[in-house]
N, C-alpha and C. Protein backbone atom coordinates (compact mmCIF):
# COMPACT_ATOMS: atom_id res chain seq x y z
N MET A 1 116.53 69.92 95.85
CA MET A 1 116.89 70.95 96.84
C MET A 1 115.69 71.84 97.16
N LEU A 2 114.90 72.19 96.11
CA LEU A 2 113.77 73.08 96.32
C LEU A 2 112.58 72.37 96.96
N LYS A 3 112.65 71.04 97.05
CA LYS A 3 111.51 70.28 97.55
C LYS A 3 111.14 70.68 98.97
N LYS A 4 112.14 70.92 99.82
CA LYS A 4 111.83 71.27 101.21
C LYS A 4 111.27 72.67 101.35
N TYR A 5 111.42 73.48 100.28
CA TYR A 5 110.86 74.83 100.30
C TYR A 5 109.53 74.91 99.55
N LYS A 6 108.94 73.75 99.26
CA LYS A 6 107.72 73.70 98.47
C LYS A 6 106.60 74.49 99.11
N LEU A 7 106.43 74.38 100.43
CA LEU A 7 105.33 75.05 101.13
C LEU A 7 105.41 76.57 100.99
N PRO A 8 106.54 77.21 101.34
CA PRO A 8 106.59 78.67 101.17
C PRO A 8 106.53 79.11 99.71
N ILE A 9 107.12 78.33 98.79
CA ILE A 9 107.08 78.70 97.38
C ILE A 9 105.64 78.69 96.86
N ILE A 10 104.90 77.65 97.17
CA ILE A 10 103.50 77.56 96.73
C ILE A 10 102.67 78.69 97.35
N THR A 11 102.90 78.97 98.64
CA THR A 11 102.16 80.04 99.32
C THR A 11 102.42 81.39 98.66
N VAL A 12 103.68 81.71 98.43
CA VAL A 12 104.04 83.01 97.84
C VAL A 12 103.49 83.14 96.42
N LEU A 13 103.68 82.11 95.60
CA LEU A 13 103.22 82.18 94.22
C LEU A 13 101.70 82.26 94.12
N THR A 14 100.99 81.56 95.01
CA THR A 14 99.53 81.61 95.00
C THR A 14 99.02 83.01 95.34
N VAL A 15 99.59 83.61 96.39
CA VAL A 15 99.18 84.97 96.78
C VAL A 15 99.51 85.96 95.66
N LEU A 16 100.70 85.85 95.09
CA LEU A 16 101.09 86.77 94.01
C LEU A 16 100.16 86.64 92.81
N PHE A 17 99.82 85.41 92.45
CA PHE A 17 98.95 85.19 91.30
C PHE A 17 97.58 85.82 91.52
N ILE A 18 96.97 85.57 92.68
CA ILE A 18 95.65 86.13 92.98
C ILE A 18 95.71 87.65 93.04
N ASP A 19 96.72 88.16 93.75
CA ASP A 19 96.86 89.61 93.93
C ASP A 19 97.02 90.31 92.59
N GLN A 20 97.90 89.82 91.73
CA GLN A 20 98.16 90.49 90.46
C GLN A 20 97.00 90.33 89.48
N CYS A 21 96.32 89.20 89.51
CA CYS A 21 95.14 89.04 88.65
C CYS A 21 94.06 90.07 89.00
N ILE A 22 93.82 90.25 90.31
CA ILE A 22 92.81 91.23 90.74
C ILE A 22 93.23 92.64 90.33
N LYS A 23 94.49 92.99 90.59
CA LYS A 23 94.97 94.34 90.29
C LYS A 23 94.95 94.64 88.79
N LEU A 24 95.40 93.68 87.99
CA LEU A 24 95.40 93.89 86.54
C LEU A 24 93.99 94.05 86.00
N TYR A 25 93.06 93.29 86.54
CA TYR A 25 91.67 93.42 86.11
C TYR A 25 91.11 94.79 86.47
N ILE A 26 91.32 95.21 87.72
CA ILE A 26 90.81 96.51 88.17
C ILE A 26 91.46 97.64 87.38
N LYS A 27 92.78 97.58 87.24
CA LYS A 27 93.51 98.64 86.54
C LYS A 27 93.07 98.75 85.08
N SER A 28 92.75 97.61 84.45
CA SER A 28 92.42 97.58 83.03
C SER A 28 90.95 97.83 82.74
N ASN A 29 90.10 97.86 83.77
CA ASN A 29 88.66 97.96 83.52
C ASN A 29 87.95 99.07 84.29
N TYR A 30 88.61 99.66 85.28
CA TYR A 30 87.96 100.66 86.13
C TYR A 30 88.65 102.01 86.01
N PRO A 31 87.91 103.11 85.85
CA PRO A 31 88.51 104.42 86.05
C PRO A 31 88.67 104.71 87.54
N ILE A 32 89.50 105.66 87.87
CA ILE A 32 89.72 106.03 89.27
C ILE A 32 88.38 106.42 89.91
N GLY A 33 88.13 105.89 91.09
CA GLY A 33 86.91 106.23 91.82
C GLY A 33 85.71 105.40 91.48
N GLU A 34 85.82 104.51 90.49
CA GLU A 34 84.69 103.65 90.12
C GLU A 34 84.29 102.78 91.31
N VAL A 35 82.99 102.72 91.59
CA VAL A 35 82.49 101.98 92.74
C VAL A 35 81.55 100.87 92.27
N CYS A 36 81.77 99.68 92.78
CA CYS A 36 80.88 98.55 92.51
C CYS A 36 80.46 97.96 93.85
N ARG A 37 79.17 98.06 94.16
CA ARG A 37 78.67 97.53 95.43
C ARG A 37 78.46 96.02 95.32
N VAL A 38 79.06 95.29 96.26
CA VAL A 38 79.02 93.83 96.22
C VAL A 38 77.88 93.30 97.09
N PHE A 39 77.87 93.67 98.36
CA PHE A 39 76.81 93.25 99.28
C PHE A 39 76.20 94.47 99.95
N GLY A 40 75.84 95.45 99.17
CA GLY A 40 75.29 96.67 99.74
C GLY A 40 76.37 97.71 99.99
N ASP A 41 76.00 98.76 100.74
CA ASP A 41 76.91 99.88 100.96
C ASP A 41 78.13 99.50 101.81
N TRP A 42 78.03 98.44 102.61
CA TRP A 42 79.13 98.11 103.52
C TRP A 42 80.24 97.30 102.85
N SER A 43 80.02 96.84 101.62
CA SER A 43 81.02 96.01 100.93
C SER A 43 81.13 96.47 99.48
N ARG A 44 82.25 97.11 99.14
CA ARG A 44 82.37 97.72 97.83
C ARG A 44 83.73 97.42 97.19
N ILE A 45 83.74 97.46 95.87
CA ILE A 45 84.98 97.50 95.10
C ILE A 45 85.14 98.95 94.65
N THR A 46 86.19 99.61 95.12
CA THR A 46 86.41 101.02 94.80
C THR A 46 87.86 101.18 94.34
N PHE A 47 88.05 101.52 93.08
CA PHE A 47 89.41 101.62 92.54
C PHE A 47 90.08 102.90 92.99
N THR A 48 91.17 102.75 93.71
CA THR A 48 92.02 103.88 94.05
C THR A 48 93.47 103.49 93.80
N GLU A 49 94.33 104.49 93.68
CA GLU A 49 95.77 104.22 93.56
C GLU A 49 96.47 104.88 94.74
N ASN A 50 97.26 104.09 95.41
CA ASN A 50 97.94 104.53 96.62
C ASN A 50 99.41 104.81 96.30
N PRO A 51 99.85 106.06 96.39
CA PRO A 51 101.24 106.38 96.07
C PRO A 51 102.21 106.08 97.20
N GLY A 52 101.70 105.63 98.35
CA GLY A 52 102.59 105.44 99.48
C GLY A 52 102.53 104.08 100.10
N MET A 53 102.10 104.03 101.35
CA MET A 53 102.16 102.82 102.14
C MET A 53 100.86 102.04 102.03
N ALA A 54 100.74 101.01 102.88
CA ALA A 54 99.57 100.15 102.86
C ALA A 54 98.34 100.87 103.41
N PHE A 55 97.16 100.39 103.02
CA PHE A 55 95.87 100.89 103.49
C PHE A 55 95.68 102.38 103.22
N GLY A 56 96.20 102.84 102.07
CA GLY A 56 95.94 104.22 101.64
C GLY A 56 96.80 105.28 102.29
N LEU A 57 97.77 104.92 103.11
CA LEU A 57 98.63 105.90 103.76
C LEU A 57 99.68 106.38 102.77
N GLU A 58 100.13 107.63 102.93
CA GLU A 58 101.15 108.18 102.06
C GLU A 58 102.40 108.50 102.86
N PHE A 59 103.52 108.64 102.13
CA PHE A 59 104.80 108.77 102.82
C PHE A 59 105.78 109.59 101.98
N GLY A 60 105.99 110.85 102.35
CA GLY A 60 107.12 111.63 101.90
C GLY A 60 107.29 111.94 100.43
N GLY A 61 106.24 112.05 99.65
CA GLY A 61 106.37 112.44 98.26
C GLY A 61 107.16 111.44 97.42
N ASN A 62 107.77 111.94 96.31
CA ASN A 62 108.49 111.05 95.38
C ASN A 62 109.70 110.40 96.03
N TYR A 63 110.46 111.18 96.80
CA TYR A 63 111.63 110.61 97.45
C TYR A 63 111.22 109.58 98.51
N GLY A 64 110.14 109.90 99.20
CA GLY A 64 109.63 108.95 100.18
C GLY A 64 109.16 107.67 99.52
N LYS A 65 108.56 107.83 98.33
CA LYS A 65 108.09 106.68 97.57
C LYS A 65 109.24 105.77 97.18
N ILE A 66 110.31 106.35 96.67
CA ILE A 66 111.48 105.56 96.28
C ILE A 66 112.11 104.90 97.50
N ALA A 67 112.22 105.67 98.60
CA ALA A 67 112.80 105.12 99.83
C ALA A 67 111.97 103.96 100.35
N LEU A 68 110.63 104.12 100.30
CA LEU A 68 109.75 103.05 100.76
C LEU A 68 109.88 101.81 99.88
N SER A 69 109.99 102.01 98.57
CA SER A 69 110.14 100.88 97.66
C SER A 69 111.45 100.14 97.91
N LEU A 70 112.52 100.89 98.11
CA LEU A 70 113.81 100.26 98.40
C LEU A 70 113.77 99.51 99.73
N PHE A 71 113.09 100.10 100.70
CA PHE A 71 112.95 99.42 102.00
C PHE A 71 112.18 98.12 101.83
N ARG A 72 111.11 98.16 101.02
CA ARG A 72 110.34 96.94 100.78
C ARG A 72 111.19 95.86 100.12
N ILE A 73 112.04 96.27 99.16
CA ILE A 73 112.88 95.30 98.47
C ILE A 73 113.87 94.66 99.44
N ILE A 74 114.49 95.49 100.29
CA ILE A 74 115.41 94.97 101.30
C ILE A 74 114.67 94.02 102.24
N ALA A 75 113.45 94.41 102.64
CA ALA A 75 112.65 93.57 103.54
C ALA A 75 112.31 92.24 102.88
N VAL A 76 112.05 92.25 101.58
CA VAL A 76 111.74 91.01 100.87
C VAL A 76 112.94 90.08 100.87
N PHE A 77 114.13 90.62 100.58
CA PHE A 77 115.34 89.78 100.60
C PHE A 77 115.58 89.22 102.00
N ALA A 78 115.37 90.07 103.02
CA ALA A 78 115.52 89.59 104.40
C ALA A 78 114.50 88.50 104.70
N GLY A 79 113.27 88.67 104.17
CA GLY A 79 112.23 87.67 104.37
C GLY A 79 112.57 86.33 103.74
N VAL A 80 113.17 86.38 102.55
CA VAL A 80 113.56 85.14 101.86
C VAL A 80 114.58 84.37 102.69
N PHE A 81 115.59 85.08 103.20
CA PHE A 81 116.60 84.41 104.01
C PHE A 81 116.01 83.91 105.33
N TYR A 82 115.05 84.65 105.88
CA TYR A 82 114.43 84.21 107.13
C TYR A 82 113.59 82.95 106.91
N ILE A 83 112.86 82.90 105.80
CA ILE A 83 112.09 81.69 105.49
C ILE A 83 113.02 80.50 105.31
N LYS A 84 114.13 80.72 104.62
CA LYS A 84 115.11 79.64 104.45
C LYS A 84 115.58 79.14 105.81
N LYS A 85 115.80 80.07 106.73
CA LYS A 85 116.27 79.71 108.06
C LYS A 85 115.24 78.89 108.83
N ILE A 86 113.98 79.34 108.84
CA ILE A 86 112.97 78.63 109.64
C ILE A 86 112.59 77.30 109.02
N VAL A 87 112.71 77.19 107.68
CA VAL A 87 112.47 75.89 107.05
C VAL A 87 113.56 74.92 107.44
N ASN A 88 114.82 75.34 107.40
CA ASN A 88 115.93 74.47 107.77
C ASN A 88 115.90 74.07 109.24
N GLU A 89 115.33 74.97 110.07
CA GLU A 89 115.23 74.67 111.50
C GLU A 89 113.94 73.91 111.84
N LYS A 90 113.16 73.56 110.78
CA LYS A 90 111.94 72.77 110.93
C LYS A 90 110.96 73.41 111.91
N GLU A 91 110.73 74.71 111.72
CA GLU A 91 109.74 75.41 112.53
C GLU A 91 108.34 74.94 112.14
N HIS A 92 107.36 75.31 112.95
CA HIS A 92 105.97 74.92 112.72
C HIS A 92 105.53 75.33 111.32
N LYS A 93 104.85 74.43 110.61
CA LYS A 93 104.42 74.73 109.24
C LYS A 93 103.49 75.93 109.18
N GLY A 94 102.66 76.10 110.21
CA GLY A 94 101.77 77.26 110.24
C GLY A 94 102.56 78.56 110.30
N PHE A 95 103.66 78.57 111.05
CA PHE A 95 104.51 79.76 111.14
C PHE A 95 105.18 80.04 109.79
N ILE A 96 105.63 78.99 109.13
CA ILE A 96 106.25 79.14 107.81
C ILE A 96 105.26 79.73 106.82
N ILE A 97 104.01 79.26 106.86
CA ILE A 97 102.98 79.79 105.96
C ILE A 97 102.71 81.27 106.26
N CYS A 98 102.63 81.62 107.54
CA CYS A 98 102.35 83.01 107.92
C CYS A 98 103.46 83.95 107.44
N VAL A 99 104.71 83.55 107.65
CA VAL A 99 105.82 84.39 107.19
C VAL A 99 105.80 84.49 105.67
N SER A 100 105.44 83.40 104.99
CA SER A 100 105.34 83.41 103.53
C SER A 100 104.24 84.35 103.06
N LEU A 101 103.12 84.40 103.79
CA LEU A 101 102.03 85.32 103.46
C LEU A 101 102.49 86.78 103.57
N ILE A 102 103.25 87.07 104.62
CA ILE A 102 103.76 88.43 104.80
C ILE A 102 104.72 88.79 103.67
N LEU A 103 105.62 87.86 103.34
CA LEU A 103 106.56 88.08 102.25
C LEU A 103 105.84 88.29 100.93
N ALA A 104 104.85 87.46 100.65
CA ALA A 104 104.10 87.55 99.38
C ALA A 104 103.37 88.88 99.28
N GLY A 105 102.77 89.33 100.38
CA GLY A 105 102.07 90.61 100.36
C GLY A 105 103.00 91.77 100.07
N ALA A 106 104.17 91.77 100.71
CA ALA A 106 105.16 92.82 100.46
C ALA A 106 105.62 92.79 99.00
N LEU A 107 105.87 91.59 98.49
CA LEU A 107 106.32 91.46 97.11
C LEU A 107 105.24 91.89 96.12
N GLY A 108 103.97 91.58 96.42
CA GLY A 108 102.87 91.98 95.55
C GLY A 108 102.79 93.48 95.38
N ASN A 109 102.96 94.24 96.46
CA ASN A 109 102.91 95.69 96.37
C ASN A 109 104.17 96.27 95.72
N ILE A 110 105.31 95.58 95.87
CA ILE A 110 106.53 96.02 95.20
C ILE A 110 106.36 95.94 93.68
N LEU A 111 105.71 94.90 93.20
CA LEU A 111 105.51 94.76 91.75
C LEU A 111 104.72 95.94 91.19
N ASP A 112 103.69 96.38 91.93
CA ASP A 112 102.94 97.57 91.50
C ASP A 112 103.86 98.78 91.39
N SER A 113 104.59 99.01 92.48
CA SER A 113 105.46 100.18 92.56
C SER A 113 106.54 100.16 91.49
N ALA A 114 107.10 98.98 91.23
CA ALA A 114 108.22 98.88 90.31
C ALA A 114 107.80 98.96 88.84
N PHE A 115 106.69 98.31 88.49
CA PHE A 115 106.40 98.10 87.07
C PHE A 115 105.11 98.73 86.53
N TYR A 116 104.12 98.98 87.38
CA TYR A 116 102.86 99.49 86.85
C TYR A 116 103.01 100.86 86.20
N GLY A 117 103.89 101.69 86.74
CA GLY A 117 104.12 103.00 86.15
C GLY A 117 104.75 102.93 84.78
N LEU A 118 105.47 101.83 84.51
CA LEU A 118 106.09 101.63 83.21
C LEU A 118 105.15 100.98 82.21
N LEU A 119 104.24 100.14 82.70
CA LEU A 119 103.39 99.33 81.82
C LEU A 119 102.07 99.99 81.46
N PHE A 120 101.58 100.89 82.32
CA PHE A 120 100.25 101.47 82.13
C PHE A 120 100.33 102.98 81.93
N GLY A 121 99.35 103.49 81.15
CA GLY A 121 99.13 104.92 81.13
C GLY A 121 98.38 105.34 82.39
N GLU A 122 98.16 106.63 82.51
CA GLU A 122 97.54 107.15 83.74
C GLU A 122 96.06 106.80 83.80
N SER A 123 95.62 106.40 84.98
CA SER A 123 94.19 106.22 85.25
C SER A 123 93.61 107.54 85.71
N THR A 124 92.42 107.89 85.21
CA THR A 124 91.75 109.11 85.65
C THR A 124 90.30 108.77 85.98
N GLU A 125 89.57 109.78 86.41
CA GLU A 125 88.15 109.58 86.71
C GLU A 125 87.33 109.36 85.44
N TYR A 126 87.92 109.68 84.30
CA TYR A 126 87.15 109.65 83.05
C TYR A 126 87.61 108.57 82.08
N GLN A 127 88.77 107.97 82.34
CA GLN A 127 89.24 106.96 81.40
C GLN A 127 89.99 105.84 82.12
N VAL A 128 89.90 104.65 81.52
CA VAL A 128 90.62 103.48 82.03
C VAL A 128 92.05 103.54 81.53
N ALA A 129 92.98 103.11 82.35
CA ALA A 129 94.39 103.12 81.96
C ALA A 129 94.64 102.22 80.76
N GLN A 130 95.47 102.68 79.85
CA GLN A 130 95.84 101.89 78.68
C GLN A 130 97.09 101.08 78.98
N PHE A 131 97.10 99.82 78.59
CA PHE A 131 98.27 98.97 78.79
C PHE A 131 99.28 99.21 77.68
N MET A 132 100.53 99.46 78.06
CA MET A 132 101.63 99.70 77.12
C MET A 132 101.28 100.79 76.09
N PRO A 133 100.96 102.00 76.56
CA PRO A 133 100.64 103.07 75.61
C PRO A 133 101.87 103.48 74.80
N ALA A 134 101.63 104.01 73.60
CA ALA A 134 102.73 104.39 72.71
C ALA A 134 103.63 105.46 73.33
N GLU A 135 103.03 106.35 74.11
CA GLU A 135 103.81 107.43 74.72
C GLU A 135 104.54 107.01 75.99
N GLY A 136 104.37 105.77 76.37
CA GLY A 136 105.03 105.27 77.58
C GLY A 136 104.14 105.31 78.80
N GLY A 137 104.64 104.77 79.90
CA GLY A 137 103.87 104.71 81.13
C GLY A 137 103.76 106.05 81.83
N TYR A 138 103.02 106.06 82.94
CA TYR A 138 102.72 107.33 83.61
C TYR A 138 103.82 107.79 84.55
N THR A 139 104.81 106.92 84.86
CA THR A 139 105.91 107.33 85.72
C THR A 139 107.05 106.33 85.57
N GLY A 140 108.12 106.53 86.36
CA GLY A 140 109.31 105.72 86.21
C GLY A 140 109.36 104.51 87.13
N PHE A 141 110.47 103.80 87.05
CA PHE A 141 110.69 102.59 87.85
C PHE A 141 110.69 102.94 89.34
N LEU A 142 109.99 102.11 90.12
CA LEU A 142 109.86 102.24 91.57
C LEU A 142 109.02 103.45 92.00
N GLN A 143 108.36 104.11 91.06
CA GLN A 143 107.52 105.27 91.41
C GLN A 143 106.05 105.05 91.08
N GLY A 144 105.71 103.82 90.71
CA GLY A 144 104.33 103.53 90.38
C GLY A 144 103.43 103.51 91.61
N HIS A 145 102.14 103.60 91.37
CA HIS A 145 101.16 103.60 92.45
C HIS A 145 100.66 102.18 92.70
N VAL A 146 100.37 101.88 93.94
CA VAL A 146 99.81 100.58 94.31
C VAL A 146 98.31 100.60 94.09
N VAL A 147 97.79 99.57 93.45
CA VAL A 147 96.36 99.49 93.14
C VAL A 147 95.60 98.93 94.36
N ASP A 148 94.63 99.68 94.84
CA ASP A 148 93.78 99.27 95.96
C ASP A 148 92.33 99.22 95.48
N MET A 149 91.54 98.33 96.12
CA MET A 149 90.16 98.19 95.64
C MET A 149 89.14 97.75 96.69
N PHE A 150 89.54 97.07 97.74
CA PHE A 150 88.57 96.54 98.70
C PHE A 150 88.22 97.61 99.74
N TYR A 151 86.92 97.82 99.92
CA TYR A 151 86.44 98.89 100.80
C TYR A 151 85.25 98.37 101.59
N PHE A 152 85.38 98.36 102.92
CA PHE A 152 84.33 97.82 103.78
C PHE A 152 83.94 98.82 104.87
N PRO A 153 83.21 99.89 104.51
CA PRO A 153 82.74 100.84 105.52
C PRO A 153 81.54 100.25 106.26
N MET A 154 81.82 99.43 107.26
CA MET A 154 80.76 98.64 107.90
C MET A 154 79.75 99.48 108.68
N TYR A 155 80.22 100.65 109.16
CA TYR A 155 79.28 101.50 109.90
C TYR A 155 79.62 102.96 109.62
N GLU A 156 78.60 103.76 109.42
CA GLU A 156 78.78 105.17 109.13
C GLU A 156 77.87 105.98 110.04
N GLY A 157 78.40 107.03 110.63
CA GLY A 157 77.58 107.84 111.53
C GLY A 157 78.33 109.06 112.00
N ASN A 158 77.87 109.65 113.10
CA ASN A 158 78.50 110.83 113.68
C ASN A 158 78.86 110.56 115.13
N PHE A 159 79.99 111.12 115.55
CA PHE A 159 80.34 111.03 116.96
C PHE A 159 79.32 111.82 117.79
N PRO A 160 78.98 111.34 118.98
CA PRO A 160 78.05 112.11 119.82
C PRO A 160 78.65 113.45 120.21
N THR A 161 77.79 114.39 120.53
CA THR A 161 78.26 115.75 120.84
C THR A 161 79.14 115.80 122.09
N TRP A 162 78.97 114.84 123.00
CA TRP A 162 79.77 114.83 124.22
C TRP A 162 81.14 114.19 124.02
N PHE A 163 81.39 113.62 122.82
CA PHE A 163 82.65 112.90 122.57
C PHE A 163 83.79 113.90 122.44
N PRO A 164 84.91 113.69 123.15
CA PRO A 164 86.03 114.65 123.08
C PRO A 164 86.69 114.67 121.71
N ILE A 165 87.25 115.81 121.35
CA ILE A 165 88.03 116.07 120.13
C ILE A 165 87.17 116.01 118.88
N TRP A 166 86.51 114.87 118.61
CA TRP A 166 85.75 114.71 117.37
C TRP A 166 84.24 114.89 117.58
N SER A 167 83.85 115.69 118.52
CA SER A 167 82.45 115.89 118.86
C SER A 167 81.60 116.23 117.63
N GLY A 168 80.61 115.38 117.36
CA GLY A 168 79.67 115.63 116.27
C GLY A 168 80.19 115.37 114.88
N GLU A 169 81.47 115.01 114.73
CA GLU A 169 82.04 114.81 113.39
C GLU A 169 81.58 113.49 112.78
N HIS A 170 81.54 113.49 111.45
CA HIS A 170 81.15 112.30 110.71
C HIS A 170 82.30 111.30 110.69
N PHE A 171 81.99 109.99 110.76
CA PHE A 171 83.04 108.97 110.70
C PHE A 171 82.50 107.71 110.05
N GLU A 172 83.44 106.91 109.54
CA GLU A 172 83.15 105.58 109.01
C GLU A 172 84.02 104.59 109.74
N PHE A 173 83.42 103.48 110.14
CA PHE A 173 84.20 102.43 110.76
C PHE A 173 84.88 101.60 109.68
N PHE A 174 86.17 101.58 109.71
CA PHE A 174 87.05 100.93 108.74
C PHE A 174 86.86 101.51 107.35
N ASN A 175 87.43 102.71 107.16
CA ASN A 175 87.32 103.39 105.88
C ASN A 175 88.56 103.24 105.01
N ALA A 176 89.49 102.34 105.40
CA ALA A 176 90.68 102.10 104.58
C ALA A 176 90.30 101.32 103.33
N ILE A 177 90.97 101.64 102.23
CA ILE A 177 90.83 100.88 100.99
C ILE A 177 92.14 100.10 100.78
N PHE A 178 92.03 98.81 100.55
CA PHE A 178 93.23 97.97 100.55
C PHE A 178 93.14 96.94 99.43
N ASN A 179 94.18 96.12 99.31
CA ASN A 179 94.22 95.10 98.26
C ASN A 179 94.50 93.73 98.85
N PHE A 180 94.59 92.74 97.98
CA PHE A 180 94.79 91.37 98.44
C PHE A 180 96.15 91.20 99.10
N ALA A 181 97.16 91.91 98.62
CA ALA A 181 98.49 91.84 99.23
C ALA A 181 98.45 92.35 100.67
N ASP A 182 97.74 93.46 100.89
CA ASP A 182 97.59 93.98 102.26
C ASP A 182 96.89 92.96 103.15
N MET A 183 95.86 92.30 102.60
CA MET A 183 95.15 91.27 103.35
C MET A 183 96.08 90.13 103.72
N SER A 184 96.95 89.74 102.81
CA SER A 184 97.88 88.65 103.06
C SER A 184 98.83 89.00 104.20
N ILE A 185 99.35 90.22 104.18
CA ILE A 185 100.25 90.67 105.26
C ILE A 185 99.51 90.68 106.60
N SER A 186 98.32 91.28 106.62
CA SER A 186 97.55 91.39 107.86
C SER A 186 97.16 90.01 108.40
N PHE A 187 96.77 89.11 107.50
CA PHE A 187 96.39 87.77 107.92
C PHE A 187 97.57 87.03 108.51
N GLY A 188 98.74 87.13 107.86
CA GLY A 188 99.93 86.46 108.37
C GLY A 188 100.32 86.97 109.74
N VAL A 189 100.34 88.30 109.91
CA VAL A 189 100.69 88.89 111.20
C VAL A 189 99.66 88.53 112.27
N GLY A 190 98.38 88.60 111.90
CA GLY A 190 97.31 88.31 112.86
C GLY A 190 97.34 86.88 113.37
N ILE A 191 97.57 85.92 112.47
CA ILE A 191 97.63 84.52 112.88
C ILE A 191 98.81 84.28 113.82
N ILE A 192 99.95 84.91 113.53
CA ILE A 192 101.12 84.76 114.40
C ILE A 192 100.81 85.30 115.80
N LEU A 193 100.15 86.46 115.87
CA LEU A 193 99.85 87.06 117.18
C LEU A 193 98.83 86.24 117.96
N VAL A 194 97.81 85.75 117.27
CA VAL A 194 96.73 85.03 117.96
C VAL A 194 97.17 83.63 118.38
N PHE A 195 97.93 82.97 117.53
CA PHE A 195 98.28 81.57 117.78
C PHE A 195 99.76 81.38 118.11
N GLN A 196 100.38 82.39 118.71
CA GLN A 196 101.81 82.29 118.99
C GLN A 196 102.15 81.16 119.94
N ASN A 197 101.25 80.82 120.86
CA ASN A 197 101.53 79.72 121.78
C ASN A 197 101.62 78.37 121.07
N ILE A 198 100.92 78.26 119.94
CA ILE A 198 100.98 77.04 119.15
C ILE A 198 102.16 77.07 118.19
N LEU A 199 102.37 78.22 117.55
CA LEU A 199 103.40 78.33 116.52
C LEU A 199 104.81 78.37 117.10
N PHE A 200 104.93 78.78 118.36
CA PHE A 200 106.26 78.90 118.97
C PHE A 200 106.40 77.96 120.16
N LYS A 201 106.07 76.70 119.97
CA LYS A 201 106.26 75.73 121.05
C LYS A 201 107.75 75.60 121.37
N PRO A 202 108.11 75.63 122.67
CA PRO A 202 109.54 75.54 123.01
C PRO A 202 110.11 74.19 122.59
N LYS A 203 111.33 74.23 122.04
CA LYS A 203 111.98 73.00 121.62
C LYS A 203 112.65 72.32 122.81
N ALA A 204 112.58 71.02 122.83
CA ALA A 204 113.19 70.26 123.92
C ALA A 204 114.71 70.37 123.86
N THR A 205 115.34 70.63 125.01
CA THR A 205 116.79 70.66 125.07
C THR A 205 117.34 69.24 125.10
N SER A 206 118.64 69.12 124.96
CA SER A 206 119.26 67.79 124.98
C SER A 206 119.05 67.11 126.32
N GLU A 207 119.08 67.90 127.43
CA GLU A 207 118.87 67.32 128.76
C GLU A 207 117.44 66.82 128.90
N GLU A 208 116.46 67.59 128.38
CA GLU A 208 115.07 67.16 128.46
C GLU A 208 114.84 65.90 127.64
N THR A 209 115.49 65.83 126.47
CA THR A 209 115.36 64.64 125.63
C THR A 209 115.93 63.44 126.34
N LYS A 210 117.06 63.62 127.01
CA LYS A 210 117.69 62.52 127.74
C LYS A 210 116.79 62.02 128.86
N GLU A 211 116.14 62.97 129.58
CA GLU A 211 115.26 62.58 130.68
C GLU A 211 114.06 61.79 130.15
N VAL A 212 113.52 62.20 129.00
CA VAL A 212 112.39 61.48 128.42
C VAL A 212 112.79 60.06 128.06
N LEU A 213 113.96 59.90 127.47
CA LEU A 213 114.44 58.57 127.10
C LEU A 213 114.64 57.69 128.33
N GLU A 214 115.15 58.30 129.42
CA GLU A 214 115.36 57.54 130.65
C GLU A 214 114.04 57.10 131.25
N ASP A 215 113.02 58.00 131.20
CA ASP A 215 111.72 57.66 131.76
C ASP A 215 111.05 56.54 130.99
N THR A 216 111.21 56.54 129.67
CA THR A 216 110.54 55.52 128.86
C THR A 216 111.25 54.17 128.89
N SER A 217 112.59 54.18 129.02
CA SER A 217 113.33 52.93 129.01
C SER A 217 113.57 52.36 130.40
N GLY A 218 113.50 53.25 131.39
CA GLY A 218 113.76 52.81 132.76
C GLY A 218 115.23 52.74 133.08
N GLU A 219 116.09 53.01 132.12
CA GLU A 219 117.52 52.96 132.33
C GLU A 219 118.13 54.23 131.78
N PRO A 220 119.21 54.72 132.40
CA PRO A 220 119.88 55.90 131.88
C PRO A 220 120.51 55.60 130.53
N THR A 221 120.52 56.58 129.68
CA THR A 221 121.13 56.39 128.36
C THR A 221 122.47 57.09 128.29
N ASP A 222 123.36 56.54 127.50
CA ASP A 222 124.67 57.16 127.32
C ASP A 222 124.55 58.31 126.34
N SER A 223 125.22 59.39 126.62
CA SER A 223 125.18 60.52 125.73
C SER A 223 126.17 60.30 124.59
């Protein structure tokens, strides 16, 4: 029975494995704010913890955090049923993979929110978080922080003085800090938007199928 769902299952498990391996390594080895330059200043590993939404955005304090986590869980269940639907309807494999990437990314961040606060002590600028500390984790279920680490400030400068609103202010191009789960969601959504003409080819109706059969055989077919 699970054989026909092999593609989305492998996609989701692969993303979750990579995402959680990266997060566990960063959480267990980096203090908050630790910076590791990979390819110069424009490509860095910077450990931060995001208490809210994706790409470092925050949402409504503790109650907002719980509400966001519950929304993510509901979205994941909806995603599972949607993948089941598109697999049974034999949608394009690329579309199935993209939806699976989005589901995996959402699930990856849910795991942080649900369990990291229970499993780890607090990360600070001066110490690395301890796994399973004797005094317990730093917060409760569904209130944990999402681990972010990828930072690509590709360009840094100041707005020109004639620029409206932000005249002369300092800025960085793409200053969001994100994780592999966020990348999975963005990649899945981006591929769907860019290649929608390929992924959503119209299905032939019964009348169109009948016409094709008539053209190829030269004789009308009985319905």
